[in-house]
Protein backbone atom coordinates (compact mmCIF):
# COMPACT_ATOMS: atom_id res chain seq x y z
CA MET A 1 26.71 13.76 3.69
CA VAL A 2 23.05 13.68 4.83
CA SER A 3 21.80 10.35 6.11
CA LEU A 4 18.10 9.66 5.47
CA ASP A 5 16.25 6.73 7.15
CA PRO A 6 12.53 7.57 7.16
CA LYS A 7 10.09 5.27 8.83
CA SER A 8 6.88 7.28 8.25
CA ILE A 9 5.34 9.70 5.78
CA GLU A 10 6.11 12.53 8.25
CA ASP A 11 9.80 11.42 8.23
CA VAL A 12 9.74 11.62 4.42
CA LEU A 13 8.50 15.24 4.53
CA GLU A 14 11.05 16.11 7.17
CA ASP A 15 13.76 14.57 5.02
CA ILE A 16 12.80 16.95 2.14
CA TRP A 17 13.46 19.82 4.67
CA ARG A 18 16.68 18.23 5.80
CA VAL A 19 17.96 18.02 2.21
CA ALA A 20 16.78 21.51 1.53
CA ARG A 21 18.54 22.96 4.56
CA ALA A 22 21.74 21.14 3.55
CA THR A 23 21.59 22.55 0.02
CA GLY A 24 20.11 25.95 0.61
CA THR A 25 16.98 25.22 -1.35
CA GLU A 26 14.31 25.83 1.29
CA ALA A 27 12.36 28.03 -1.11
CA VAL A 28 11.90 25.04 -3.39
CA ALA A 29 11.05 22.59 -0.57
CA ALA A 30 8.37 24.78 1.03
CA PRO A 31 5.75 24.57 -1.77
CA LEU A 32 6.56 20.85 -2.31
CA VAL A 33 6.08 19.98 1.32
CA ASP A 34 2.92 22.05 1.58
CA SER A 35 1.45 20.44 -1.47
CA LEU A 36 2.18 16.97 -0.21
CA GLN A 37 0.78 17.74 3.23
CA ALA A 38 -2.40 19.15 1.68
CA ARG A 39 -2.88 15.94 -0.36
CA ILE A 40 -2.49 13.86 2.76
CA ASP A 41 -5.03 15.97 4.67
CA THR A 42 -7.47 15.66 1.72
CA VAL A 43 -7.24 11.86 1.87
CA VAL A 44 -7.81 11.81 5.60
CA ALA A 45 -10.75 14.20 5.44
CA ARG A 46 -12.32 12.26 2.53
CA VAL A 47 -12.15 8.82 4.15
CA ALA A 48 -13.32 10.17 7.54
CA THR A 49 -16.91 10.09 6.13
CA ALA A 50 -16.65 6.38 5.18
CA ALA A 51 -19.20 4.01 6.74
CA HIS A 52 -16.73 1.11 7.14
CA THR A 53 -13.00 0.36 7.80
CA PRO A 54 -11.98 -2.69 5.85
CA ARG A 55 -9.35 -5.08 7.20
CA VAL A 56 -6.36 -4.93 4.93
CA LEU A 57 -3.62 -7.49 4.26
CA HIS A 58 -0.64 -5.92 2.47
CA LEU A 59 1.87 -8.35 1.13
CA GLU A 60 5.37 -6.95 0.43
CA TRP A 61 6.62 -10.43 -0.57
CA VAL A 62 4.96 -13.78 -1.23
CA ALA A 63 7.77 -16.39 -1.00
CA PRO A 64 8.15 -16.20 1.91
CA LEU A 65 5.09 -14.26 2.87
CA MET A 66 5.87 -10.88 4.36
CA CYS A 67 3.70 -7.85 5.28
CA GLY A 68 4.76 -4.31 4.74
CA GLY A 69 6.26 -2.25 7.55
CA HIS A 70 6.74 1.33 8.76
CA TRP A 71 4.92 3.71 6.36
CA ILE A 72 2.81 0.96 4.79
CA PRO A 73 0.68 0.35 7.90
CA GLN A 74 0.49 4.12 8.45
CA MET A 75 -0.65 4.55 4.74
CA VAL A 76 -3.48 1.93 5.32
CA GLU A 77 -4.67 3.66 8.41
CA LEU A 78 -4.64 7.11 6.86
CA ALA A 79 -6.52 5.74 3.92
CA GLY A 80 -9.32 4.48 6.22
CA GLY A 81 -8.39 0.85 6.67
CA VAL A 82 -7.39 -1.50 9.49
CA ASN A 83 -4.02 -3.35 9.30
CA CYS A 84 -4.29 -7.11 9.61
CA PHE A 85 -0.52 -7.02 10.40
CA GLY A 86 2.12 -4.56 11.21
CA THR A 87 2.47 -1.07 12.82
CA GLN A 88 4.25 2.06 11.93
CA GLU A 89 6.92 1.20 14.58
CA GLN A 90 7.75 -2.19 12.95
CA GLY A 91 9.60 -3.06 9.79
CA SER A 92 8.41 -5.80 7.47
CA PHE A 93 8.13 -9.31 8.91
CA ARG A 94 7.33 -12.81 7.87
CA LEU A 95 3.83 -14.31 7.98
CA GLU A 96 2.46 -17.84 7.85
CA TRP A 97 -0.71 -19.01 6.15
CA PRO A 98 -2.60 -19.83 9.34
CA GLU A 99 -2.12 -16.24 10.50
CA ILE A 100 -3.40 -14.91 7.19
CA VAL A 101 -6.45 -17.11 7.41
CA ALA A 102 -7.14 -16.03 10.95
CA SER A 103 -6.89 -12.35 10.01
CA GLN A 104 -9.86 -12.66 7.55
CA PRO A 105 -8.86 -9.71 5.30
CA ASP A 106 -11.55 -7.72 3.51
CA VAL A 107 -8.96 -6.32 1.09
CA ILE A 108 -5.59 -7.78 -0.01
CA MET A 109 -2.97 -5.55 -1.62
CA VAL A 110 -0.24 -7.49 -3.36
CA MET A 111 2.83 -5.29 -3.80
CA PRO A 112 6.06 -7.14 -3.94
CA CYS A 113 8.99 -4.87 -3.00
CA GLY A 114 10.41 -3.20 -6.12
CA PHE A 115 8.01 -4.79 -8.60
CA ASN A 116 5.63 -3.11 -11.08
CA VAL A 117 2.14 -4.47 -11.71
CA THR A 118 3.13 -6.76 -14.55
CA ARG A 119 5.89 -8.41 -12.57
CA ALA A 120 3.79 -8.64 -9.35
CA LEU A 121 0.98 -10.40 -11.24
CA GLU A 122 3.37 -13.37 -11.62
CA ASP A 123 3.41 -13.90 -7.90
CA VAL A 124 -0.42 -14.11 -7.59
CA ALA A 125 -0.23 -17.67 -8.92
CA LEU A 126 1.91 -18.52 -5.79
CA LEU A 127 -0.82 -17.32 -3.65
CA ALA A 128 -3.56 -19.00 -5.54
CA GLN A 129 -1.74 -22.35 -5.07
CA GLN A 130 -2.66 -22.27 -1.37
CA GLU A 131 -5.75 -24.20 -0.47
CA GLU A 132 -6.88 -21.54 1.95
CA TRP A 133 -6.66 -18.75 -0.69
CA ALA A 134 -10.14 -19.16 -2.21
CA ALA A 135 -11.92 -18.92 1.16
CA LEU A 136 -10.42 -15.60 2.26
CA PRO A 137 -13.13 -12.92 2.26
CA ALA A 138 -11.11 -10.54 0.02
CA VAL A 139 -10.82 -13.31 -2.60
CA GLN A 140 -14.41 -14.23 -2.36
CA GLN A 141 -15.47 -10.61 -2.77
CA ARG A 142 -12.93 -9.86 -5.51
CA GLN A 143 -11.14 -7.29 -3.43
CA VAL A 144 -7.59 -8.26 -4.36
CA TYR A 145 -5.37 -5.71 -5.95
CA VAL A 146 -1.85 -5.72 -7.41
CA LEU A 147 0.06 -2.44 -7.01
CA ASN A 148 3.09 -0.85 -8.61
CA ALA A 149 5.28 -1.13 -5.44
CA ASN A 150 8.30 0.11 -7.35
CA ALA A 151 6.68 3.51 -7.90
CA TYR A 152 4.39 3.98 -4.89
CA THR A 153 5.16 1.91 -1.81
CA SER A 154 8.71 0.53 -1.75
CA ARG A 155 10.66 3.73 -1.93
CA SER A 156 10.63 6.29 0.81
CA GLY A 157 10.04 9.36 -1.27
CA PRO A 158 7.31 11.90 -2.17
CA ARG A 159 5.46 9.34 -4.32
CA LEU A 160 4.28 7.62 -1.13
CA VAL A 161 1.64 10.29 -1.16
CA ASN A 162 0.50 8.98 -4.60
CA GLY A 163 0.46 5.56 -3.01
CA LEU A 164 -1.68 6.81 -0.17
CA GLU A 165 -4.17 8.22 -2.65
CA ILE A 166 -4.28 4.87 -4.45
CA PHE A 167 -4.85 3.14 -1.12
CA ALA A 168 -7.73 5.40 -0.34
CA GLU A 169 -9.26 4.94 -3.79
CA ILE A 170 -9.08 1.10 -3.28
CA LEU A 171 -10.48 1.01 0.23
CA HIS A 172 -13.09 3.66 -0.22
CA PRO A 173 -14.01 4.15 -3.92
CA GLU A 174 -17.24 5.87 -2.80
CA CYS A 175 -15.00 8.68 -1.39
CA GLY A 176 -12.56 8.74 -4.24
CA THR A 177 -11.97 10.42 -7.53
CA GLY A 178 -11.40 7.43 -9.82
CA ILE A 179 -7.87 8.58 -10.76
CA ILE A 180 -5.97 5.30 -10.36
CA PRO A 181 -4.10 4.47 -13.56
CA GLU A 182 -4.65 0.86 -14.54
CA SER A 183 -0.93 0.35 -15.03
CA ASP A 184 -0.36 1.24 -11.37
CA ALA A 185 -3.13 -0.68 -9.49
CA LEU A 186 -5.10 -3.59 -10.86
CA ARG A 187 -8.10 -5.18 -9.36
CA LEU A 188 -7.96 -8.91 -10.12
CA SER A 189 -10.69 -10.55 -12.04
CA ALA A 190 -12.45 -13.70 -10.94
CA GLU A 191 -10.41 -15.62 -13.51
CA GLN A 192 -7.10 -14.21 -12.29
CA LEU A 193 -7.96 -15.05 -8.69
CA GLN A 194 -8.73 -18.65 -9.51
CA ALA A 195 -5.84 -19.25 -11.99
CA ARG A 196 -2.96 -21.14 -10.45
CA SER A 197 -0.55 -20.96 -13.36
CA ALA A 198 -2.01 -18.77 -16.04
CA LEU A 199 -0.42 -15.56 -14.71
């Protein structure tokens, strides 16, 4: 039995090696890990030229409000953003609306744990019910995104690197490639941001 409990992207890569060593499949693991690391390095190099570092609020749950933990803050930083809440050393934790208002996020990523975009959209209405919602910089600038957390942020596997690439594309589209599938990351329209029950 091999116990895996990654808390960072580096841990995920190391877990691939751990499984490979336990199963004698190092030859299969090597090109996979090399490819994932190269993609991470490409993201970091690309956003290093960005002129700004937006403040990012990542919501792993909306009722109660919770930010992402461990690899999520790391992904934001690698993608050229600044976390409003959380560090790589912390797990997810609960937030209150006054804290969110005080953080003044430039970008909001709504990615409820285990949900795809269609299901996560339903929770946007809960956020829009808050009086403070409309005044947040990210909402006013229409920089609110719903992500497929089930595929790219909730599970501690290789697809976290896809999630990192999506983060970078959202935070720095001027440095990106325009490869985000609409089914995996959706920028909310003005109508969706204002609707309190239509979603």
